[in-house]
C-alpha atoms as a PDB file:
ATOM      1  CA  MET A   1     -62.342 -48.414 183.099  1.00  0.00           C
ATOM      2  CA  THR A   2     -63.271 -51.094 180.633  1.00  0.00           C
ATOM      3  CA  GLU A   3     -67.146 -50.527 180.640  1.00  0.00           C
ATOM      4  CA  ASP A   4     -66.767 -48.585 177.473  1.00  0.00           C
ATOM      5  CA  ILE A   5     -64.424 -51.115 175.704  1.00  0.00           C
ATOM      6  CA  PHE A   6     -66.025 -54.483 176.271  1.00  0.00           C
ATOM      7  CA  PRO A   7     -69.532 -55.653 175.555  1.00  0.00           C
ATOM      8  CA  PRO A   8     -71.435 -56.415 178.838  1.00  0.00           C
ATOM      9  CA  GLU A   9     -71.245 -60.180 178.395  1.00  0.00           C
ATOM     10  CA  LEU A  10     -67.477 -60.072 178.142  1.00  0.00           C
ATOM     11  CA  LEU A  11     -67.067 -57.476 180.777  1.00  0.00           C
ATOM     12  CA  ALA A  12     -68.899 -59.831 183.168  1.00  0.00           C
ATOM     13  CA  MET A  13     -65.978 -62.303 182.763  1.00  0.00           C
ATOM     14  CA  PHE A  14     -63.456 -59.862 184.332  1.00  0.00           C
ATOM     15  CA  LYS A  15     -64.004 -60.535 187.923  1.00  0.00           C
ATOM     16  CA  PRO A  16     -61.418 -59.904 190.751  1.00  0.00           C
ATOM     17  CA  GLU A  17     -61.622 -63.600 191.913  1.00  0.00           C
ATOM     18  CA  LEU A  18     -60.199 -64.627 188.466  1.00  0.00           C
ATOM     19  CA  VAL A  19     -57.179 -62.368 189.020  1.00  0.00           C
ATOM     20  CA  ALA A  20     -56.542 -63.189 192.614  1.00  0.00           C
ATOM     21  CA  PRO A  21     -54.910 -66.630 192.018  1.00  0.00           C
ATOM     22  CA  ALA A  22     -52.099 -65.024 190.022  1.00  0.00           C
ATOM     23  CA  ALA A  23     -51.687 -62.241 192.522  1.00  0.00           C
ATOM     24  CA  LEU A  24     -51.636 -64.758 195.495  1.00  0.00           C
ATOM     25  CA  PHE A  25     -49.104 -66.908 193.675  1.00  0.00           C
ATOM     26  CA  LEU A  26     -46.775 -63.935 193.210  1.00  0.00           C
ATOM     27  CA  VAL A  27     -46.723 -63.406 196.994  1.00  0.00           C
ATOM     28  CA  SER A  28     -46.445 -67.042 197.910  1.00  0.00           C
ATOM     29  CA  GLU A  29     -43.306 -68.824 199.163  1.00  0.00           C
ATOM     30  CA  ASP A  30     -42.947 -70.494 195.788  1.00  0.00           C
ATOM     31  CA  ALA A  31     -43.121 -67.320 193.719  1.00  0.00           C
ATOM     32  CA  PRO A  32     -40.261 -66.653 191.309  1.00  0.00           C
ATOM     33  CA  THR A  33     -38.414 -63.399 191.243  1.00  0.00           C
ATOM     34  CA  ASN A  34     -38.387 -60.915 188.410  1.00  0.00           C
ATOM     35  CA  VAL A  35     -41.691 -61.898 187.006  1.00  0.00           C
ATOM     36  CA  ILE A  36     -44.592 -59.765 185.735  1.00  0.00           C
ATOM     37  CA  LEU A  37     -47.849 -61.372 185.307  1.00  0.00           C
ATOM     38  CA  GLY A  38     -50.988 -60.147 183.547  1.00  0.00           C
ATOM     39  CA  ALA A  39     -54.352 -61.601 184.399  1.00  0.00           C
ATOM     40  CA  GLY A  40     -57.979 -61.185 183.415  1.00  0.00           C
ATOM     41  CA  ALA A  41     -61.041 -63.297 183.051  1.00  0.00           C
ATOM     42  CA  GLY A  42     -59.120 -66.405 184.159  1.00  0.00           C
ATOM     43  CA  VAL A  43     -56.265 -65.927 181.662  1.00  0.00           C
ATOM     44  CA  VAL A  44     -52.749 -65.489 183.171  1.00  0.00           C
ATOM     45  CA  GLN A  45     -49.941 -64.293 180.927  1.00  0.00           C
ATOM     46  CA  ALA A  46     -46.226 -63.574 181.461  1.00  0.00           C
ATOM     47  CA  ALA A  47     -44.994 -60.109 180.467  1.00  0.00           C
ATOM     48  CA  ASN A  48     -41.398 -59.470 179.622  1.00  0.00           C
ATOM     49  CA  VAL A  49     -39.591 -56.209 179.780  1.00  0.00           C
ATOM     50  CA  THR A  50     -36.912 -56.020 177.116  1.00  0.00           C
ATOM     51  CA  LEU A  51     -33.840 -53.718 176.796  1.00  0.00           C
ATOM     52  CA  THR A  52     -32.385 -52.645 173.506  1.00  0.00           C
ATOM     53  CA  ARG A  53     -28.629 -52.252 173.139  1.00  0.00           C
ATOM     54  CA  GLY A  54     -28.991 -48.555 173.595  1.00  0.00           C
ATOM     55  CA  VAL A  55     -26.888 -45.654 172.448  1.00  0.00           C
ATOM     56  CA  LYS A  56     -24.167 -43.712 174.194  1.00  0.00           C
ATOM     57  CA  LEU A  57     -25.070 -40.121 173.674  1.00  0.00           C
ATOM     58  CA  GLU A  58     -22.175 -37.786 172.820  1.00  0.00           C
ATOM     59  CA  GLU A  59     -24.272 -34.905 174.422  1.00  0.00           C
ATOM     60  CA  PRO A  60     -26.871 -35.775 177.086  1.00  0.00           C
ATOM     61  CA  THR A  61     -29.651 -33.647 175.636  1.00  0.00           C
ATOM     62  CA  PRO A  62     -33.232 -34.196 174.665  1.00  0.00           C
ATOM     63  CA  GLU A  63     -32.100 -33.244 171.098  1.00  0.00           C
ATOM     64  CA  ALA A  64     -29.522 -36.095 171.142  1.00  0.00           C
ATOM     65  CA  VAL A  65     -32.226 -38.494 172.236  1.00  0.00           C
ATOM     66  CA  ALA A  66     -34.390 -37.337 169.356  1.00  0.00           C
ATOM     67  CA  ALA A  67     -31.600 -37.583 166.872  1.00  0.00           C
ATOM     68  CA  ASN A  68     -30.701 -41.184 167.947  1.00  0.00           C
ATOM     69  CA  PHE A  69     -34.189 -42.320 168.737  1.00  0.00           C
ATOM     70  CA  ALA A  70     -34.350 -44.893 165.830  1.00  0.00           C
ATOM     71  CA  ARG A  71     -31.092 -46.392 167.001  1.00  0.00           C
ATOM     72  CA  ILE A  72     -32.267 -46.349 170.653  1.00  0.00           C
ATOM     73  CA  MET A  73     -35.490 -48.236 169.567  1.00  0.00           C
ATOM     74  CA  ASP A  74     -33.710 -50.795 167.405  1.00  0.00           C
ATOM     75  CA  ARG A  75     -34.676 -54.150 168.785  1.00  0.00           C
ATOM     76  CA  GLU A  76     -31.870 -56.232 167.275  1.00  0.00           C
ATOM     77  CA  GLY A  77     -29.972 -57.797 170.030  1.00  0.00           C
ATOM     78  CA  GLU A  78     -32.408 -56.818 172.674  1.00  0.00           C
ATOM     79  CA  ILE A  79     -32.410 -58.796 175.918  1.00  0.00           C
ATOM     80  CA  VAL A  80     -34.820 -59.734 178.668  1.00  0.00           C
ATOM     81  CA  PRO A  81     -32.867 -58.807 181.827  1.00  0.00           C
ATOM     82  CA  GLN A  82     -33.261 -60.953 184.832  1.00  0.00           C
ATOM     83  CA  SER A  83     -32.203 -58.309 187.283  1.00  0.00           C
ATOM     84  CA  GLY A  84     -31.441 -54.604 187.726  1.00  0.00           C
ATOM     85  CA  ALA A  85     -27.777 -55.632 187.987  1.00  0.00           C
ATOM     86  CA  GLU A  86     -28.039 -57.186 184.452  1.00  0.00           C
ATOM     87  CA  GLN A  87     -29.459 -53.873 183.180  1.00  0.00           C
ATOM     88  CA  ALA A  88     -26.537 -52.005 184.761  1.00  0.00           C
ATOM     89  CA  MET A  89     -24.077 -54.259 183.187  1.00  0.00           C
ATOM     90  CA  THR A  90     -25.498 -53.545 179.701  1.00  0.00           C
ATOM     91  CA  ILE A  91     -24.955 -49.803 180.417  1.00  0.00           C
ATOM     92  CA  MET A  92     -21.398 -50.582 181.450  1.00  0.00           C
ATOM     93  CA  GLN A  93     -20.787 -52.474 178.182  1.00  0.00           C
ATOM     94  CA  ARG A  94     -22.025 -49.559 176.107  1.00  0.00           C
ATOM     95  CA  LEU A  95     -19.776 -47.145 178.017  1.00  0.00           C
ATOM     96  CA  GLN A  96     -16.883 -49.473 177.155  1.00  0.00           C
ATOM     97  CA  GLY A  97     -17.818 -49.344 173.512  1.00  0.00           C
ATOM     98  CA  ASN A  98     -19.324 -52.841 173.302  1.00  0.00           C
END
């Protein structure tokens, strides 16, 4: 997949054994919940999924999504939810007009 992107000397650094420590940590007894890790060539990174405030659509149609897309994508006030329940709570807040 990356053979056409990286030069050979850099591609050689992307070995499975350099990703395995992050994967093994995520399945260990000490692993945190709700964490996404990226790993490659011995570098481990945390990835965060964010949620924007969202928009309550008057009509649940693709056209309404398109018409409101800029507001849907507005990152002001976005959050990094720690659980699915927190995501659901943000939906409840929007339904209540908050």
